[in-house]
Amino acid sequence: MPSALFDNLFLHGKQAVPAFLYGTAWKKDKTADLVYLAMCSGFKGIDTAAQPKHYREDLVGQGIRRALSEDKITRDDLFIQTKFTSVNGQDPNQMPYNPTASISDQVHTSIRSSLGNMRPSAEESSSESAYLDCLVLHSPLPTMAQTIEAWRVAESYVPHKIRYLGISNVTLGILKQLYDAAECKPAIVQNRFYHSTEFDVSVRAFCAERSIIYQSFWTLSANPRIVHGPEVGHVAHKVGLTPYEAMYSLVLALDNFIILNGTTNAKHMVDDLSCVQRTREWALQNPKDWANYLDRFKMLLERPAN
């Protein structure tokens, strides 16, 4: 089974997806500058959402356009992912659509807004050439029927305006139902990665069996005991990493797994990206030790929650 630490991961076996996506939540007025800095530092993936409550999707677009105009990256080399957020996840005073409209109309309006924000140049007309690499449902809607209705609308944009679809904050039961109902199967699951959900062992197994990429968020902040525990500490010491870099490296060694990274520190941006290469080189030179450390880490994740 491929892992982002050693392999290039592909959505449905076709489009490459980077090991790290730059997470843009809670960046507020600094969003454009941080997105630009992330791409200058080497990030090739951006995650955002049409949810003004927590994201400035419009400023994400500004940061991307600046990087494109200065040839810091090409659009073909950039992975752009945004989300449709349902009414329950929105600020009533800041919505990208009419909350009284049908779910289908809400999704259509949200997608059109996202395509406008992700236009390749400042001219409004360039929205016509805009596309999204992935659209994620930010969460299941209140009922399965509503979730499938939203998914059907998103499917109508695939493959030209949207390349792939995904879902976030999802349980195994809902994921299975959606997978069975979907014509365009989920390519990505984005979930919180922490002890309370037993590190999504069953969800990740389902994803691995179906070549779905699992994206984690809160990878560091929700797991301080693991980050500073012996399993991660041994790798940090042996490879010459910080505990945070070692945690990222171990997580990226899991099957079909990539990470949202929202650091605002320029040095951390560069170091987090480079730790993958440093760990890969050490692991290839010390395969038995690496296998032992990775097995210990996997066992840690499989311990039941108290």
Protein backbone atom coordinates (compact mmCIF):
# COMPACT_ATOMS: atom_id res chain seq x y z
CA MET A 1 0.00 0.00 0.00
CA PRO A 2 1.50 3.39 -0.97
CA SER A 3 2.42 6.04 1.58
CA ALA A 4 3.19 9.70 1.00
CA LEU A 5 6.53 9.30 2.79
CA PHE A 6 7.87 7.00 0.08
CA ASP A 7 5.50 7.26 -2.88
CA ASN A 8 3.57 9.71 -5.00
CA LEU A 9 -0.11 9.39 -4.11
CA PHE A 10 -2.76 9.68 -6.80
CA LEU A 11 -6.48 10.39 -6.67
CA HIS A 12 -8.27 7.43 -8.23
CA GLY A 13 -4.92 6.45 -9.72
CA LYS A 14 -4.77 9.56 -11.91
CA GLN A 15 -3.94 12.96 -10.39
CA ALA A 16 -1.03 13.37 -8.01
CA VAL A 17 -1.77 14.94 -4.64
CA PRO A 18 0.96 16.45 -2.41
CA ALA A 19 1.82 15.06 1.01
CA PHE A 20 1.00 18.41 2.66
CA LEU A 21 -1.85 20.76 1.86
CA TYR A 22 -1.54 24.24 3.30
CA GLY A 23 -4.49 24.78 5.62
CA THR A 24 -5.98 28.28 5.50
CA ALA A 25 -8.52 28.30 8.34
CA TRP A 26 -8.40 31.18 10.85
CA LYS A 27 -5.77 33.15 8.92
CA LYS A 28 -8.15 36.13 8.55
CA ASP A 29 -6.59 39.23 6.93
CA LYS A 30 -3.19 37.52 6.75
CA THR A 31 -4.54 34.77 4.50
CA ALA A 32 -3.28 36.07 1.14
CA ASP A 33 0.26 36.73 2.39
CA LEU A 34 0.47 33.35 4.15
CA VAL A 35 -0.82 31.44 1.12
CA TYR A 36 1.75 33.22 -1.05
CA LEU A 37 4.49 32.47 1.49
CA ALA A 38 3.48 28.81 1.66
CA MET A 39 3.76 28.42 -2.10
CA CYS A 40 7.09 30.23 -2.17
CA SER A 41 8.26 27.81 0.53
CA GLY A 42 7.34 24.80 -1.57
CA PHE A 43 3.73 23.94 -0.76
CA LYS A 44 1.90 22.66 -3.84
CA GLY A 45 -1.50 22.11 -2.28
CA ILE A 46 -3.99 24.54 -0.73
CA ASP A 47 -7.06 23.72 1.37
CA THR A 48 -9.78 26.29 1.97
CA ALA A 49 -13.58 26.55 2.24
CA ALA A 50 -16.51 28.70 1.20
CA GLN A 51 -17.12 29.41 4.88
CA PRO A 52 -16.45 33.07 5.76
CA LYS A 53 -16.87 32.20 9.44
CA HIS A 54 -13.44 30.54 9.47
CA TYR A 55 -11.88 31.07 6.03
CA ARG A 56 -11.14 33.93 3.66
CA GLU A 57 -11.47 32.03 0.42
CA ASP A 58 -11.30 35.28 -1.53
CA LEU A 59 -7.87 36.05 -0.03
CA VAL A 60 -6.69 32.51 -0.70
CA GLY A 61 -7.40 33.25 -4.35
CA GLN A 62 -5.44 36.49 -4.14
CA GLY A 63 -2.42 34.70 -2.70
CA ILE A 64 -2.59 32.03 -5.39
CA ARG A 65 -2.87 34.60 -8.19
CA ARG A 66 0.15 36.46 -6.87
CA ALA A 67 2.22 33.28 -6.85
CA LEU A 68 1.04 32.37 -10.35
CA SER A 69 1.75 35.84 -11.73
CA GLU A 70 5.29 35.76 -10.31
CA ASP A 71 5.92 32.25 -11.68
CA LYS A 72 6.42 30.79 -8.21
CA ILE A 73 4.28 27.85 -9.32
CA THR A 74 2.15 26.86 -12.30
CA ARG A 75 -1.52 26.03 -12.07
CA ASP A 76 -0.83 22.53 -13.38
CA ASP A 77 1.49 21.93 -10.43
CA LEU A 78 -0.94 23.32 -7.85
CA PHE A 79 -3.65 21.33 -6.07
CA ILE A 80 -6.57 23.55 -5.00
CA GLN A 81 -9.19 22.13 -2.67
CA THR A 82 -12.17 23.96 -1.23
CA LYS A 83 -15.37 22.99 0.53
CA PHE A 84 -19.10 23.41 0.43
CA THR A 85 -20.24 24.20 3.97
CA SER A 86 -23.90 23.64 4.80
CA VAL A 87 -26.08 26.17 6.63
CA ASN A 88 -25.34 24.59 10.02
CA GLY A 89 -21.65 25.40 9.66
CA GLN A 90 -22.08 28.99 8.51
CA ASP A 91 -22.29 32.32 10.28
CA PRO A 92 -25.87 33.51 9.61
CA ASN A 93 -24.53 36.97 8.83
CA GLN A 94 -21.87 35.77 6.35
CA MET A 95 -23.03 33.14 3.89
CA PRO A 96 -21.92 32.52 0.31
CA TYR A 97 -25.51 31.61 -0.65
CA ASN A 98 -29.14 32.19 0.31
CA PRO A 99 -29.87 29.94 3.31
CA THR A 100 -33.54 29.71 2.36
CA ALA A 101 -32.75 28.35 -1.10
CA SER A 102 -32.88 24.63 -1.87
CA ILE A 103 -29.82 22.58 -1.06
CA SER A 104 -29.16 22.15 -4.77
CA ASP A 105 -29.19 25.91 -5.30
CA GLN A 106 -26.98 26.46 -2.25
CA VAL A 107 -24.36 24.08 -3.65
CA HIS A 108 -24.52 25.61 -7.14
CA THR A 109 -24.10 29.13 -5.74
CA SER A 110 -21.28 28.10 -3.40
CA ILE A 111 -19.37 26.38 -6.21
CA ARG A 112 -19.76 29.36 -8.54
CA SER A 113 -18.48 31.63 -5.76
CA SER A 114 -15.47 29.36 -5.18
CA LEU A 115 -14.66 29.24 -8.89
CA GLY A 116 -14.76 33.04 -8.95
CA ASN A 117 -12.45 33.25 -5.95
CA MET A 118 -10.03 30.77 -7.56
CA ARG A 119 -9.95 32.52 -10.95
CA PRO A 120 -6.41 32.55 -12.40
CA SER A 121 -6.20 36.31 -12.95
CA ALA A 122 -7.69 39.48 -11.50
CA GLU A 123 -10.13 39.84 -14.39
CA GLU A 124 -13.58 38.58 -13.43
CA SER A 125 -13.93 36.95 -16.85
CA SER A 126 -11.09 34.54 -16.02
CA SER A 127 -13.56 32.68 -13.79
CA GLU A 128 -14.59 30.88 -16.96
CA SER A 129 -11.26 29.07 -17.05
CA ALA A 130 -11.10 28.39 -13.30
CA TYR A 131 -11.33 24.87 -11.95
CA LEU A 132 -11.02 23.12 -8.60
CA ASP A 133 -8.92 20.03 -8.11
CA CYS A 134 -11.22 18.85 -5.34
CA LEU A 135 -14.49 19.95 -3.76
CA VAL A 136 -15.13 18.56 -0.29
CA LEU A 137 -18.45 18.48 1.56
CA HIS A 138 -17.40 20.11 4.82
CA SER A 139 -19.61 17.67 6.70
CA PRO A 140 -22.56 15.40 6.02
CA LEU A 141 -25.83 17.31 5.90
CA PRO A 142 -28.53 16.66 8.53
CA THR A 143 -30.01 13.73 6.57
CA MET A 144 -28.51 11.19 4.19
CA ALA A 145 -30.96 12.29 1.48
CA GLN A 146 -29.72 15.88 1.79
CA THR A 147 -26.09 14.74 1.74
CA ILE A 148 -26.69 12.79 -1.46
CA GLU A 149 -28.57 15.75 -2.99
CA ALA A 150 -25.57 17.98 -2.37
CA TRP A 151 -23.23 15.31 -3.74
CA ARG A 152 -25.30 14.93 -6.92
CA VAL A 153 -24.98 18.66 -7.62
CA ALA A 154 -21.22 18.52 -7.09
CA GLU A 155 -21.03 15.50 -9.42
CA SER A 156 -22.53 17.60 -12.21
CA TYR A 157 -19.32 19.69 -12.28
CA VAL A 158 -16.99 16.69 -12.62
CA PRO A 159 -14.61 16.41 -14.45
CA HIS A 160 -14.38 19.83 -16.13
CA LYS A 161 -14.87 22.47 -13.41
CA ILE A 162 -14.15 20.10 -10.52
CA ARG A 163 -11.76 17.17 -10.86
CA TYR A 164 -12.56 15.14 -7.73
CA LEU A 165 -14.93 15.09 -4.76
CA GLY A 166 -14.44 14.38 -1.08
CA ILE A 167 -16.13 14.62 2.30
CA SER A 168 -14.98 15.83 5.72
CA ASN A 169 -16.01 15.15 9.33
CA VAL A 170 -17.56 11.85 8.33
CA THR A 171 -18.17 8.57 10.18
CA LEU A 172 -17.66 5.16 8.65
CA GLY A 173 -21.39 4.47 8.43
CA ILE A 174 -22.16 7.64 6.47
CA LEU A 175 -19.07 7.21 4.31
CA LYS A 176 -20.19 3.71 3.31
CA GLN A 177 -23.68 4.93 2.40
CA LEU A 178 -22.29 7.82 0.37
CA TYR A 179 -19.77 5.60 -1.38
CA ASP A 180 -22.49 3.16 -2.41
CA ALA A 181 -24.83 5.93 -3.63
CA ALA A 182 -22.25 8.06 -5.44
CA GLU A 183 -21.62 7.87 -9.17
CA CYS A 184 -18.42 9.85 -8.70
CA LYS A 185 -16.87 8.00 -5.77
CA PRO A 186 -15.21 9.98 -2.96
CA ALA A 187 -11.51 10.50 -3.68
CA ILE A 188 -10.73 12.16 -0.34
CA VAL A 189 -11.84 11.87 3.28
CA GLN A 190 -10.72 14.73 5.52
CA ASN A 191 -11.14 14.04 9.23
CA ARG A 192 -9.84 15.13 12.60
CA PHE A 193 -7.05 12.74 13.62
CA TYR A 194 -7.09 12.14 17.35
CA HIS A 195 -7.67 9.69 20.19
CA SER A 196 -11.38 10.39 20.66
CA THR A 197 -12.14 8.76 17.31
CA GLU A 198 -9.53 6.04 17.86
CA PHE A 199 -7.53 7.68 15.08
CA ASP A 200 -10.16 6.63 12.55
CA VAL A 201 -8.67 3.16 12.24
CA SER A 202 -11.81 1.71 10.62
CA VAL A 203 -12.35 4.74 8.37
CA ARG A 204 -8.73 4.66 7.23
CA ALA A 205 -8.98 0.93 6.49
CA PHE A 206 -12.09 1.54 4.37
CA CYS A 207 -10.28 4.32 2.53
CA ALA A 208 -7.16 2.23 1.94
CA GLU A 209 -9.20 -0.63 0.49
CA ARG A 210 -10.82 1.74 -2.02
CA SER A 211 -7.82 3.94 -2.82
CA ILE A 212 -9.38 6.95 -1.08
CA ILE A 213 -6.86 9.48 0.20
CA TYR A 214 -7.21 10.17 3.93
CA GLN A 215 -6.41 13.76 4.95
CA SER A 216 -5.84 14.58 8.59
CA PHE A 217 -6.27 17.86 10.42
CA TRP A 218 -5.37 18.73 14.01
CA THR A 219 -2.52 16.25 13.51
CA LEU A 220 -0.23 18.02 15.99
CA SER A 221 -2.50 20.15 18.12
CA ALA A 222 -4.86 17.31 19.10
CA ASN A 223 -2.08 14.87 19.96
CA PRO A 224 0.46 16.50 22.33
CA ARG A 225 1.02 13.31 24.34
CA ILE A 226 1.94 11.35 21.23
CA VAL A 227 4.04 14.15 19.76
CA HIS A 228 6.09 14.28 22.96
CA GLY A 229 5.94 10.56 23.68
CA PRO A 230 8.64 7.91 23.23
CA GLU A 231 7.39 6.46 19.93
CA VAL A 232 7.79 9.79 18.17
CA GLY A 233 10.78 10.81 20.28
CA HIS A 234 12.90 7.87 19.15
CA VAL A 235 12.41 8.83 15.50
CA ALA A 236 13.10 12.48 16.22
CA HIS A 237 16.38 11.55 17.94
CA LYS A 238 17.55 9.06 15.31
CA VAL A 239 16.70 11.15 12.23
CA GLY A 240 17.56 14.53 13.74
CA LEU A 241 14.07 16.02 13.65
CA THR A 242 11.90 18.02 16.01
CA PRO A 243 9.11 15.99 17.63
CA TYR A 244 6.63 17.78 15.35
CA GLU A 245 8.55 16.83 12.21
CA ALA A 246 8.89 13.24 13.43
CA MET A 247 5.14 13.07 14.05
CA TYR A 248 4.46 14.31 10.53
CA SER A 249 6.89 11.76 9.09
CA LEU A 250 5.33 8.83 10.94
CA VAL A 251 1.81 9.86 9.98
CA LEU A 252 2.80 10.24 6.33
CA ALA A 253 4.13 6.67 6.44
CA LEU A 254 0.57 5.40 7.01
CA ASP A 255 -1.38 4.07 4.04
CA ASN A 256 -2.76 6.66 1.59
CA PHE A 257 -2.41 9.44 4.15
CA ILE A 258 -1.74 13.17 3.66
CA ILE A 259 -1.80 16.09 6.09
CA LEU A 260 -3.24 19.58 6.39
CA ASN A 261 -0.49 21.87 7.67
CA GLY A 262 -1.49 25.38 8.71
CA THR A 263 1.73 26.76 10.16
CA THR A 264 2.20 30.53 9.94
CA ASN A 265 5.97 30.29 10.56
CA ALA A 266 8.14 30.63 7.43
CA LYS A 267 10.92 28.42 8.82
CA HIS A 268 8.47 25.71 9.84
CA MET A 269 6.99 25.72 6.33
CA VAL A 270 10.37 24.89 4.83
CA ASP A 271 11.40 22.46 7.59
CA ASP A 272 8.09 20.56 7.55
CA LEU A 273 8.38 19.97 3.82
CA SER A 274 12.04 18.96 4.03
CA CYS A 275 11.50 16.53 6.91
CA VAL A 276 9.80 14.14 4.51
CA GLN A 277 12.94 13.81 2.41
CA ARG A 278 15.20 13.57 5.45
CA THR A 279 13.09 10.81 7.00
CA ARG A 280 12.80 8.95 3.72
CA GLU A 281 16.57 8.90 3.29
CA TRP A 282 17.16 7.70 6.86
CA ALA A 283 14.46 5.02 6.59
CA LEU A 284 15.92 3.66 3.35
CA GLN A 285 19.36 3.50 4.95
CA ASN A 286 18.01 1.89 8.14
CA PRO A 287 15.05 -0.23 7.01
CA LYS A 288 14.89 -2.57 10.03
CA ASP A 289 15.00 0.26 12.56
CA TRP A 290 12.42 2.23 10.60
CA ALA A 291 10.06 -0.74 10.34
CA ASN A 292 10.34 -1.23 14.10
CA TYR A 293 9.60 2.44 14.89
CA LEU A 294 6.68 2.53 12.47
CA ASP A 295 5.19 -0.67 13.91
CA ARG A 296 5.35 0.83 17.40
CA PHE A 297 3.62 3.96 16.15
CA LYS A 298 0.86 1.96 14.48
CA MET A 299 0.32 -0.07 17.65
CA LEU A 300 0.00 3.16 19.60
CA LEU A 301 -2.75 4.37 17.26
CA GLU A 302 -4.64 1.09 17.60
CA ARG A 303 -4.93 1.23 21.36
CA PRO A 304 -8.57 1.70 22.35
CA ALA A 305 -9.67 5.06 23.68
CA ASN A 306 -10.19 5.16 27.46
